[in-house]
Amino acid sequence: MWDRPSNSSQKGRLLGTAVIWRWAIPAVLMEHAARSQQEVPVVEVVAVCVEEGCSGERYPFCALLYQSTMYERYSAMHFHGRPAPTHMAGLGGEKGNGGDEAVTRRAILWDYRYLSE
């Protein structure tokens, strides 16, 4: 999980790792859904583990996705009525802090273009 698109010519910062779970479906008319997913490919990721030293980094999709009309319903699903975290510390523990405790089972939204294998 990167702070900018992984195909960017600028050097991005690796914020963490996760497992891609499924595509997030935007709240648009069905005839526009495919185009929306193509233009803004958003996925739900799980098993987030924040890179060591990145807990204080900004979660790039807090406002961009969770406060948008197309994806706002995921806020209730992922955070149970609480606001989406604004920093990576709210998404999971750091790798350097040990084992399975660092991995969260919570699903979050991430722009697919900001991921790499």
N, C-alpha and C. Protein backbone atom coordinates (compact mmCIF):
# COMPACT_ATOMS: atom_id res chain seq x y z
N MET A 1 0.86 -1.16 0.00
CA MET A 1 0.00 0.00 0.00
C MET A 1 0.91 1.23 0.00
N TRP A 2 0.76 2.05 -1.03
CA TRP A 2 1.64 3.20 -1.24
C TRP A 2 0.90 4.52 -1.00
N ASP A 3 1.67 5.58 -0.84
CA ASP A 3 1.09 6.91 -0.65
C ASP A 3 0.79 7.62 -1.96
N ARG A 4 1.16 7.00 -3.08
CA ARG A 4 0.85 7.52 -4.42
C ARG A 4 0.78 6.35 -5.37
N PRO A 5 0.24 6.56 -6.56
CA PRO A 5 0.12 5.42 -7.49
C PRO A 5 1.45 4.71 -7.70
N SER A 6 1.40 3.39 -7.72
CA SER A 6 2.63 2.61 -7.83
C SER A 6 3.30 2.74 -9.19
N ASN A 7 2.59 3.22 -10.19
CA ASN A 7 3.20 3.40 -11.50
C ASN A 7 3.71 4.84 -11.67
N SER A 8 3.74 5.60 -10.59
CA SER A 8 4.17 6.98 -10.62
C SER A 8 5.66 7.07 -10.88
N SER A 9 6.08 8.11 -11.57
CA SER A 9 7.51 8.32 -11.80
C SER A 9 8.16 8.88 -10.54
N GLN A 10 7.35 9.43 -9.63
CA GLN A 10 7.88 9.91 -8.36
C GLN A 10 8.06 8.72 -7.41
N LYS A 11 9.04 8.83 -6.56
CA LYS A 11 9.25 7.75 -5.60
C LYS A 11 8.20 7.83 -4.51
N GLY A 12 7.42 6.77 -4.35
CA GLY A 12 6.38 6.72 -3.34
C GLY A 12 6.91 6.14 -2.04
N ARG A 13 6.10 6.27 -1.02
CA ARG A 13 6.45 5.70 0.29
C ARG A 13 5.53 4.51 0.56
N LEU A 14 6.13 3.39 0.90
CA LEU A 14 5.37 2.20 1.26
C LEU A 14 4.80 2.41 2.65
N LEU A 15 3.46 2.40 2.76
CA LEU A 15 2.80 2.65 4.04
C LEU A 15 2.46 1.36 4.78
N GLY A 16 2.28 0.28 4.05
CA GLY A 16 1.92 -0.98 4.70
C GLY A 16 1.62 -2.07 3.69
N THR A 17 1.23 -3.20 4.22
CA THR A 17 0.84 -4.33 3.39
C THR A 17 -0.57 -4.77 3.78
N ALA A 18 -1.23 -5.43 2.86
CA ALA A 18 -2.59 -5.91 3.10
C ALA A 18 -2.93 -6.96 2.07
N VAL A 19 -4.07 -7.57 2.26
CA VAL A 19 -4.61 -8.55 1.31
C VAL A 19 -5.80 -7.89 0.61
N ILE A 20 -5.80 -7.92 -0.72
CA ILE A 20 -6.94 -7.39 -1.46
C ILE A 20 -8.10 -8.37 -1.29
N TRP A 21 -9.23 -7.86 -0.82
CA TRP A 21 -10.38 -8.71 -0.55
C TRP A 21 -11.35 -8.71 -1.73
N ARG A 22 -11.83 -7.52 -2.10
CA ARG A 22 -12.80 -7.46 -3.20
C ARG A 22 -12.91 -6.02 -3.69
N TRP A 23 -13.52 -5.87 -4.85
CA TRP A 23 -13.78 -4.54 -5.40
C TRP A 23 -14.85 -3.84 -4.56
N ALA A 24 -14.69 -2.56 -4.32
CA ALA A 24 -15.70 -1.76 -3.65
C ALA A 24 -16.63 -1.22 -4.73
N ILE A 25 -17.90 -1.39 -4.53
CA ILE A 25 -18.90 -0.99 -5.53
C ILE A 25 -19.37 0.43 -5.22
N PRO A 26 -19.17 1.35 -6.16
CA PRO A 26 -19.62 2.73 -5.91
C PRO A 26 -21.13 2.84 -5.94
N ALA A 27 -21.66 3.79 -5.19
CA ALA A 27 -23.11 4.03 -5.16
C ALA A 27 -23.47 4.93 -6.34
N VAL A 28 -23.58 4.33 -7.51
CA VAL A 28 -23.97 5.02 -8.73
C VAL A 28 -24.95 4.13 -9.48
N LEU A 29 -25.62 4.68 -10.46
CA LEU A 29 -26.50 3.86 -11.29
C LEU A 29 -25.71 2.74 -11.93
N MET A 30 -26.31 1.59 -12.06
CA MET A 30 -25.59 0.42 -12.57
C MET A 30 -24.94 0.66 -13.93
N GLU A 31 -25.57 1.46 -14.77
CA GLU A 31 -24.97 1.71 -16.09
C GLU A 31 -23.69 2.55 -15.99
N HIS A 32 -23.46 3.17 -14.82
CA HIS A 32 -22.25 3.97 -14.62
C HIS A 32 -21.21 3.26 -13.75
N ALA A 33 -21.58 2.13 -13.16
CA ALA A 33 -20.71 1.45 -12.20
C ALA A 33 -19.40 1.00 -12.84
N ALA A 34 -19.44 0.38 -14.01
CA ALA A 34 -18.22 -0.11 -14.66
C ALA A 34 -17.28 1.04 -14.97
N ARG A 35 -17.83 2.13 -15.47
CA ARG A 35 -16.98 3.29 -15.79
C ARG A 35 -16.37 3.88 -14.52
N SER A 36 -17.15 3.95 -13.45
CA SER A 36 -16.65 4.47 -12.17
C SER A 36 -15.50 3.62 -11.66
N GLN A 37 -15.66 2.30 -11.73
CA GLN A 37 -14.61 1.40 -11.27
C GLN A 37 -13.36 1.51 -12.13
N GLN A 38 -13.53 1.80 -13.40
CA GLN A 38 -12.39 1.94 -14.28
C GLN A 38 -11.64 3.24 -13.99
N GLU A 39 -12.38 4.32 -13.76
CA GLU A 39 -11.76 5.61 -13.52
C GLU A 39 -11.19 5.74 -12.11
N VAL A 40 -11.89 5.19 -11.13
CA VAL A 40 -11.44 5.21 -9.74
C VAL A 40 -11.57 3.79 -9.19
N PRO A 41 -10.56 2.95 -9.45
CA PRO A 41 -10.64 1.54 -9.04
C PRO A 41 -10.37 1.39 -7.54
N VAL A 42 -11.44 1.23 -6.77
CA VAL A 42 -11.34 1.15 -5.31
C VAL A 42 -11.58 -0.30 -4.87
N VAL A 43 -10.73 -0.76 -3.96
CA VAL A 43 -10.87 -2.10 -3.42
C VAL A 43 -10.97 -2.04 -1.90
N GLU A 44 -11.51 -3.12 -1.34
CA GLU A 44 -11.46 -3.30 0.10
C GLU A 44 -10.26 -4.20 0.38
N VAL A 45 -9.44 -3.81 1.32
CA VAL A 45 -8.30 -4.62 1.72
C VAL A 45 -8.48 -5.02 3.18
N VAL A 46 -7.92 -6.16 3.54
CA VAL A 46 -7.96 -6.67 4.92
C VAL A 46 -6.55 -7.08 5.33
N ALA A 47 -6.39 -7.43 6.58
CA ALA A 47 -5.10 -7.86 7.12
C ALA A 47 -4.04 -6.79 6.92
N VAL A 48 -4.39 -5.57 7.29
CA VAL A 48 -3.48 -4.44 7.15
C VAL A 48 -2.38 -4.51 8.20
N CYS A 49 -1.16 -4.32 7.76
CA CYS A 49 -0.01 -4.21 8.65
C CYS A 49 0.77 -2.98 8.21
N VAL A 50 0.87 -2.01 9.08
CA VAL A 50 1.53 -0.74 8.77
C VAL A 50 3.05 -0.93 8.81
N GLU A 51 3.74 -0.34 7.84
CA GLU A 51 5.19 -0.40 7.82
C GLU A 51 5.77 0.29 9.05
N GLU A 52 6.89 -0.21 9.50
CA GLU A 52 7.55 0.36 10.68
C GLU A 52 7.87 1.83 10.43
N GLY A 53 7.48 2.68 11.37
CA GLY A 53 7.73 4.11 11.26
C GLY A 53 6.68 4.88 10.50
N CYS A 54 5.60 4.22 10.05
CA CYS A 54 4.58 4.89 9.24
C CYS A 54 3.26 5.11 9.97
N SER A 55 3.19 4.80 11.24
CA SER A 55 1.93 4.98 11.99
C SER A 55 1.43 6.42 11.96
N GLY A 56 2.33 7.37 11.96
CA GLY A 56 1.96 8.77 11.96
C GLY A 56 1.64 9.34 10.59
N GLU A 57 1.84 8.54 9.54
CA GLU A 57 1.55 9.00 8.18
C GLU A 57 0.03 9.12 7.97
N ARG A 58 -0.35 10.03 7.14
CA ARG A 58 -1.77 10.26 6.84
C ARG A 58 -2.33 9.09 6.04
N TYR A 59 -3.53 8.65 6.40
CA TYR A 59 -4.26 7.65 5.61
C TYR A 59 -4.82 8.39 4.40
N PRO A 60 -4.32 8.12 3.21
CA PRO A 60 -4.65 8.95 2.04
C PRO A 60 -6.12 8.94 1.61
N PHE A 61 -6.92 7.98 2.08
CA PHE A 61 -8.28 7.85 1.57
C PHE A 61 -9.37 8.13 2.58
N CYS A 62 -9.01 8.68 3.72
CA CYS A 62 -9.99 8.97 4.76
C CYS A 62 -11.11 9.85 4.22
N ALA A 63 -10.78 11.03 3.78
CA ALA A 63 -11.80 11.96 3.27
C ALA A 63 -12.15 11.66 1.82
N LEU A 64 -11.15 11.32 1.03
CA LEU A 64 -11.35 11.13 -0.40
C LEU A 64 -12.40 10.07 -0.72
N LEU A 65 -12.42 8.99 0.02
CA LEU A 65 -13.38 7.92 -0.26
C LEU A 65 -14.51 7.86 0.75
N TYR A 66 -14.18 7.83 2.04
CA TYR A 66 -15.22 7.65 3.05
C TYR A 66 -16.18 8.83 3.17
N GLN A 67 -15.78 10.00 2.74
CA GLN A 67 -16.68 11.14 2.80
C GLN A 67 -17.29 11.46 1.44
N SER A 68 -17.03 10.61 0.45
CA SER A 68 -17.62 10.81 -0.88
C SER A 68 -18.99 10.13 -0.94
N THR A 69 -19.85 10.65 -1.75
CA THR A 69 -21.18 10.07 -1.91
C THR A 69 -21.09 8.64 -2.44
N MET A 70 -20.13 8.36 -3.29
CA MET A 70 -20.03 7.03 -3.90
C MET A 70 -19.63 5.94 -2.91
N TYR A 71 -18.87 6.28 -1.86
CA TYR A 71 -18.35 5.25 -0.95
C TYR A 71 -18.67 5.48 0.52
N GLU A 72 -19.50 6.48 0.84
CA GLU A 72 -19.75 6.81 2.24
C GLU A 72 -20.38 5.67 3.03
N ARG A 73 -21.13 4.79 2.36
CA ARG A 73 -21.78 3.69 3.09
C ARG A 73 -20.76 2.72 3.68
N TYR A 74 -19.56 2.68 3.13
CA TYR A 74 -18.51 1.81 3.65
C TYR A 74 -18.00 2.29 5.01
N SER A 75 -18.19 3.54 5.34
CA SER A 75 -17.76 4.05 6.64
C SER A 75 -18.48 3.32 7.76
N ALA A 76 -19.79 3.16 7.63
CA ALA A 76 -20.56 2.45 8.65
C ALA A 76 -20.17 0.97 8.69
N MET A 77 -19.93 0.38 7.52
CA MET A 77 -19.55 -1.04 7.45
C MET A 77 -18.18 -1.28 8.09
N HIS A 78 -17.24 -0.40 7.81
CA HIS A 78 -15.87 -0.61 8.26
C HIS A 78 -15.58 -0.08 9.67
N PHE A 79 -16.25 1.00 10.04
CA PHE A 79 -15.91 1.66 11.31
C PHE A 79 -17.07 1.76 12.29
N HIS A 80 -18.20 1.14 11.95
CA HIS A 80 -19.35 1.02 12.86
C HIS A 80 -19.78 2.35 13.46
N GLY A 81 -19.93 3.35 12.62
CA GLY A 81 -20.44 4.64 13.05
C GLY A 81 -19.39 5.61 13.56
N ARG A 82 -18.18 5.13 13.78
CA ARG A 82 -17.10 6.04 14.18
C ARG A 82 -16.49 6.65 12.92
N PRO A 83 -15.86 7.79 13.03
CA PRO A 83 -15.20 8.38 11.85
C PRO A 83 -14.04 7.50 11.38
N ALA A 84 -13.79 7.56 10.09
CA ALA A 84 -12.64 6.84 9.53
C ALA A 84 -11.36 7.44 10.10
N PRO A 85 -10.36 6.60 10.39
CA PRO A 85 -9.10 7.12 10.92
C PRO A 85 -8.41 8.04 9.90
N THR A 86 -7.71 9.00 10.40
CA THR A 86 -6.99 9.94 9.51
C THR A 86 -5.52 9.57 9.34
N HIS A 87 -5.02 8.67 10.21
CA HIS A 87 -3.62 8.26 10.14
C HIS A 87 -3.51 6.74 10.08
N MET A 88 -2.39 6.28 9.60
CA MET A 88 -2.18 4.85 9.42
C MET A 88 -2.27 4.08 10.75
N ALA A 89 -1.96 4.71 11.87
CA ALA A 89 -2.05 4.04 13.17
C ALA A 89 -3.46 3.54 13.44
N GLY A 90 -4.47 4.19 12.89
CA GLY A 90 -5.84 3.77 13.08
C GLY A 90 -6.26 2.60 12.23
N LEU A 91 -5.39 2.17 11.32
CA LEU A 91 -5.70 1.07 10.41
C LEU A 91 -5.10 -0.25 10.84
N GLY A 92 -4.03 -0.19 11.63
CA GLY A 92 -3.36 -1.42 12.06
C GLY A 92 -2.09 -1.10 12.79
N GLY A 93 -1.50 -2.13 13.38
CA GLY A 93 -0.25 -1.96 14.08
C GLY A 93 0.93 -1.99 13.13
N GLU A 94 2.08 -1.59 13.64
CA GLU A 94 3.31 -1.60 12.84
C GLU A 94 3.94 -2.98 12.83
N LYS A 95 4.60 -3.30 11.73
CA LYS A 95 5.29 -4.59 11.59
C LYS A 95 6.31 -4.80 12.70
N GLY A 96 7.03 -3.77 13.05
CA GLY A 96 8.08 -3.89 14.05
C GLY A 96 7.57 -4.17 15.46
N ASN A 97 6.25 -4.04 15.66
CA ASN A 97 5.69 -4.25 17.00
C ASN A 97 5.28 -5.69 17.24
N GLY A 98 5.61 -6.56 16.31
CA GLY A 98 5.48 -7.98 16.57
C GLY A 98 4.24 -8.69 16.12
N GLY A 99 4.50 -9.80 15.44
CA GLY A 99 3.54 -10.84 15.12
C GLY A 99 2.17 -10.46 14.64
N ASP A 100 1.22 -11.31 14.98
CA ASP A 100 -0.15 -11.18 14.53
C ASP A 100 -0.86 -9.98 15.14
N GLU A 101 -0.37 -9.47 16.27
CA GLU A 101 -1.01 -8.32 16.90
C GLU A 101 -0.96 -7.10 15.99
N ALA A 102 0.03 -7.05 15.09
CA ALA A 102 0.19 -5.91 14.20
C ALA A 102 -0.83 -5.94 13.06
N VAL A 103 -1.40 -7.10 12.76
CA VAL A 103 -2.32 -7.25 11.64
C VAL A 103 -3.75 -7.05 12.11
N THR A 104 -4.47 -6.15 11.44
CA THR A 104 -5.87 -5.93 11.77
C THR A 104 -6.75 -6.73 10.83
N ARG A 105 -7.89 -7.15 11.30
CA ARG A 105 -8.82 -7.89 10.45
C ARG A 105 -9.89 -6.99 9.88
N ARG A 106 -9.81 -5.72 10.18
CA ARG A 106 -10.77 -4.73 9.67
C ARG A 106 -10.55 -4.52 8.17
N ALA A 107 -11.63 -4.36 7.45
CA ALA A 107 -11.55 -4.01 6.02
C ALA A 107 -11.48 -2.49 5.90
N ILE A 108 -10.70 -2.02 4.94
CA ILE A 108 -10.63 -0.59 4.65
C ILE A 108 -10.61 -0.40 3.14
N LEU A 109 -10.90 0.81 2.70
CA LEU A 109 -10.85 1.14 1.27
C LEU A 109 -9.46 1.63 0.89
N TRP A 110 -9.05 1.26 -0.32
CA TRP A 110 -7.77 1.73 -0.85
C TRP A 110 -7.92 1.82 -2.37
N ASP A 111 -7.34 2.82 -2.94
CA ASP A 111 -7.36 2.98 -4.40
C ASP A 111 -6.40 1.94 -4.99
N TYR A 112 -6.91 1.13 -5.90
CA TYR A 112 -6.12 0.04 -6.49
C TYR A 112 -4.84 0.52 -7.14
N ARG A 113 -4.85 1.74 -7.67
CA ARG A 113 -3.67 2.29 -8.34
C ARG A 113 -2.54 2.56 -7.36
N TYR A 114 -2.85 2.57 -6.07
CA TYR A 114 -1.86 2.82 -5.01
C TYR A 114 -1.35 1.51 -4.39
N LEU A 115 -1.55 0.40 -5.08
CA LEU A 115 -1.12 -0.92 -4.60
C LEU A 115 -0.11 -1.52 -5.56
N SER A 116 0.70 -2.41 -5.05
CA SER A 116 1.61 -3.19 -5.88
C SER A 116 1.70 -4.59 -5.31
N GLU A 117 2.22 -5.50 -6.10
CA GLU A 117 2.35 -6.89 -5.64
C GLU A 117 3.66 -7.08 -4.93
